[in-house]
Amino acid sequence: MIELLFVTCLSAAPDQCRERSLIYTDITPMTCMMGAQPELAKWSQSNPKYEVRGWKCRALRRDELEL
């Protein structure tokens, strides 16, 4: 599994930030890196009160998933 991990902050309160993630089961880390910006742009359009401050792709182990 690959996780697109990103940090968002409220536009009106830039000190209020949190980590978010999108999980993919069928892509490679390189595919994640190449597709991250369009995915984050879509997320930003759906969540206009937030700004994306940073992101990374990483391998995710099943035991790291929150159930």
N, C-alpha and C. Protein backbone atom coordinates (compact mmCIF):
# COMPACT_ATOMS: atom_id res chain seq x y z
N MET A 1 0.83 -1.17 0.00
CA MET A 1 0.00 0.00 0.00
C MET A 1 0.88 1.24 0.00
N ILE A 2 0.39 2.26 -0.65
CA ILE A 2 1.10 3.54 -0.71
C ILE A 2 0.22 4.61 -0.09
N GLU A 3 0.82 5.46 0.71
CA GLU A 3 0.10 6.56 1.35
C GLU A 3 0.61 7.88 0.81
N LEU A 4 -0.32 8.73 0.40
CA LEU A 4 -0.01 10.12 0.08
C LEU A 4 -0.32 10.89 1.36
N LEU A 5 0.72 11.24 2.08
CA LEU A 5 0.61 11.93 3.37
C LEU A 5 0.80 13.41 3.12
N PHE A 6 -0.12 14.24 3.60
CA PHE A 6 0.00 15.68 3.38
C PHE A 6 -0.45 16.47 4.60
N VAL A 7 0.06 17.67 4.72
CA VAL A 7 -0.25 18.56 5.83
C VAL A 7 -1.12 19.69 5.30
N THR A 8 -2.23 19.93 5.99
CA THR A 8 -3.11 21.04 5.63
C THR A 8 -3.24 21.99 6.81
N CYS A 9 -3.41 23.27 6.48
CA CYS A 9 -3.62 24.28 7.51
C CYS A 9 -4.82 25.13 7.11
N LEU A 10 -5.55 25.59 8.10
CA LEU A 10 -6.66 26.49 7.83
C LEU A 10 -6.13 27.79 7.25
N SER A 11 -6.74 28.26 6.19
CA SER A 11 -6.31 29.51 5.57
C SER A 11 -6.46 30.67 6.55
N ALA A 12 -7.55 30.68 7.31
CA ALA A 12 -7.82 31.77 8.26
C ALA A 12 -7.01 31.66 9.54
N ALA A 13 -6.46 30.49 9.81
CA ALA A 13 -5.67 30.27 11.02
C ALA A 13 -4.50 29.37 10.66
N PRO A 14 -3.46 29.91 10.03
CA PRO A 14 -2.36 29.09 9.50
C PRO A 14 -1.60 28.27 10.54
N ASP A 15 -1.81 28.55 11.82
CA ASP A 15 -1.14 27.77 12.85
C ASP A 15 -1.93 26.51 13.22
N GLN A 16 -3.12 26.35 12.67
CA GLN A 16 -3.95 25.17 12.92
C GLN A 16 -3.80 24.20 11.75
N CYS A 17 -2.91 23.25 11.93
CA CYS A 17 -2.57 22.30 10.86
C CYS A 17 -2.80 20.87 11.32
N ARG A 18 -2.97 19.99 10.34
CA ARG A 18 -3.07 18.57 10.67
C ARG A 18 -2.62 17.73 9.49
N GLU A 19 -2.19 16.51 9.81
CA GLU A 19 -1.80 15.56 8.77
C GLU A 19 -3.05 14.85 8.26
N ARG A 20 -3.06 14.62 6.97
CA ARG A 20 -4.13 13.86 6.32
C ARG A 20 -3.46 12.87 5.38
N SER A 21 -4.23 11.90 4.90
CA SER A 21 -3.63 10.97 3.97
C SER A 21 -4.67 10.36 3.04
N LEU A 22 -4.19 9.94 1.90
CA LEU A 22 -4.96 9.16 0.94
C LEU A 22 -4.21 7.86 0.78
N ILE A 23 -4.92 6.75 0.82
CA ILE A 23 -4.31 5.42 0.74
C ILE A 23 -4.63 4.81 -0.62
N TYR A 24 -3.60 4.25 -1.24
CA TYR A 24 -3.74 3.57 -2.52
C TYR A 24 -3.25 2.15 -2.39
N THR A 25 -3.97 1.22 -2.98
CA THR A 25 -3.58 -0.18 -2.89
C THR A 25 -2.97 -0.70 -4.19
N ASP A 26 -3.09 0.05 -5.26
CA ASP A 26 -2.71 -0.51 -6.55
C ASP A 26 -1.75 0.38 -7.35
N ILE A 27 -0.94 1.18 -6.67
CA ILE A 27 0.02 2.03 -7.39
C ILE A 27 1.41 1.86 -6.79
N THR A 28 2.41 2.32 -7.52
CA THR A 28 3.79 2.28 -7.04
C THR A 28 4.13 3.63 -6.41
N PRO A 29 5.21 3.70 -5.64
CA PRO A 29 5.63 4.99 -5.08
C PRO A 29 5.88 6.04 -6.18
N MET A 30 6.43 5.64 -7.31
CA MET A 30 6.69 6.59 -8.39
C MET A 30 5.38 7.13 -8.96
N THR A 31 4.39 6.26 -9.11
CA THR A 31 3.08 6.71 -9.60
C THR A 31 2.46 7.69 -8.62
N CYS A 32 2.63 7.44 -7.34
CA CYS A 32 2.14 8.36 -6.32
C CYS A 32 2.81 9.72 -6.46
N MET A 33 4.12 9.71 -6.60
CA MET A 33 4.86 10.98 -6.73
C MET A 33 4.41 11.76 -7.96
N MET A 34 4.18 11.06 -9.06
CA MET A 34 3.80 11.73 -10.30
C MET A 34 2.35 12.22 -10.26
N GLY A 35 1.49 11.53 -9.52
CA GLY A 35 0.09 11.89 -9.49
C GLY A 35 -0.35 12.69 -8.28
N ALA A 36 0.58 12.98 -7.38
CA ALA A 36 0.22 13.65 -6.14
C ALA A 36 -0.32 15.06 -6.35
N GLN A 37 0.32 15.85 -7.18
CA GLN A 37 -0.11 17.24 -7.33
C GLN A 37 -1.53 17.35 -7.88
N PRO A 38 -1.91 16.59 -8.92
CA PRO A 38 -3.31 16.67 -9.36
C PRO A 38 -4.30 16.19 -8.29
N GLU A 39 -3.94 15.16 -7.54
CA GLU A 39 -4.82 14.68 -6.46
C GLU A 39 -4.98 15.74 -5.38
N LEU A 40 -3.88 16.39 -5.02
CA LEU A 40 -3.94 17.42 -3.99
C LEU A 40 -4.70 18.65 -4.49
N ALA A 41 -4.60 18.95 -5.77
CA ALA A 41 -5.37 20.06 -6.34
C ALA A 41 -6.86 19.76 -6.25
N LYS A 42 -7.25 18.51 -6.54
CA LYS A 42 -8.67 18.13 -6.41
C LYS A 42 -9.12 18.23 -4.96
N TRP A 43 -8.27 17.77 -4.05
CA TRP A 43 -8.61 17.83 -2.63
C TRP A 43 -8.78 19.29 -2.21
N SER A 44 -7.89 20.15 -2.66
CA SER A 44 -7.95 21.57 -2.31
C SER A 44 -9.22 22.23 -2.83
N GLN A 45 -9.65 21.85 -4.02
CA GLN A 45 -10.90 22.40 -4.56
C GLN A 45 -12.10 21.98 -3.73
N SER A 46 -12.06 20.78 -3.19
CA SER A 46 -13.16 20.29 -2.36
C SER A 46 -13.11 20.83 -0.93
N ASN A 47 -11.97 21.37 -0.53
CA ASN A 47 -11.75 21.86 0.83
C ASN A 47 -11.12 23.25 0.79
N PRO A 48 -11.85 24.25 0.30
CA PRO A 48 -11.26 25.57 0.06
C PRO A 48 -10.81 26.33 1.31
N LYS A 49 -11.22 25.89 2.48
CA LYS A 49 -10.80 26.58 3.71
C LYS A 49 -9.39 26.19 4.14
N TYR A 50 -8.81 25.20 3.45
CA TYR A 50 -7.50 24.68 3.83
C TYR A 50 -6.46 24.91 2.74
N GLU A 51 -5.21 25.00 3.16
CA GLU A 51 -4.07 25.07 2.26
C GLU A 51 -3.20 23.84 2.49
N VAL A 52 -2.73 23.25 1.41
CA VAL A 52 -1.79 22.13 1.52
C VAL A 52 -0.40 22.73 1.71
N ARG A 53 0.27 22.35 2.78
CA ARG A 53 1.59 22.91 3.11
C ARG A 53 2.74 22.01 2.69
N GLY A 54 2.52 20.72 2.62
CA GLY A 54 3.58 19.79 2.25
C GLY A 54 3.00 18.41 2.04
N TRP A 55 3.76 17.55 1.35
CA TRP A 55 3.28 16.20 1.09
C TRP A 55 4.44 15.27 0.81
N LYS A 56 4.16 13.97 0.94
CA LYS A 56 5.13 12.93 0.56
C LYS A 56 4.38 11.64 0.33
N CYS A 57 4.97 10.78 -0.46
CA CYS A 57 4.45 9.44 -0.68
C CYS A 57 5.33 8.47 0.10
N ARG A 58 4.70 7.46 0.68
CA ARG A 58 5.48 6.48 1.43
C ARG A 58 4.76 5.14 1.42
N ALA A 59 5.54 4.10 1.61
CA ALA A 59 4.97 2.76 1.73
C ALA A 59 4.27 2.68 3.08
N LEU A 60 3.15 2.02 3.10
CA LEU A 60 2.36 1.89 4.32
C LEU A 60 2.16 0.41 4.61
N ARG A 61 2.48 0.03 5.82
CA ARG A 61 2.26 -1.35 6.24
C ARG A 61 0.83 -1.49 6.75
N ARG A 62 0.27 -2.67 6.57
CA ARG A 62 -1.11 -2.91 7.01
C ARG A 62 -1.28 -2.64 8.52
N ASP A 63 -0.27 -2.89 9.31
CA ASP A 63 -0.40 -2.66 10.76
C ASP A 63 -0.41 -1.18 11.13
N GLU A 64 -0.13 -0.30 10.16
CA GLU A 64 -0.19 1.14 10.42
C GLU A 64 -1.56 1.73 10.13
N LEU A 65 -2.43 0.94 9.53
CA LEU A 65 -3.78 1.43 9.20
C LEU A 65 -4.61 1.58 10.47
N GLU A 66 -5.38 2.66 10.52
CA GLU A 66 -6.33 2.85 11.61
C GLU A 66 -7.64 2.20 11.21
N LEU A 67 -8.08 1.26 11.99
CA LEU A 67 -9.34 0.57 11.66
C LEU A 67 -10.47 1.08 12.48
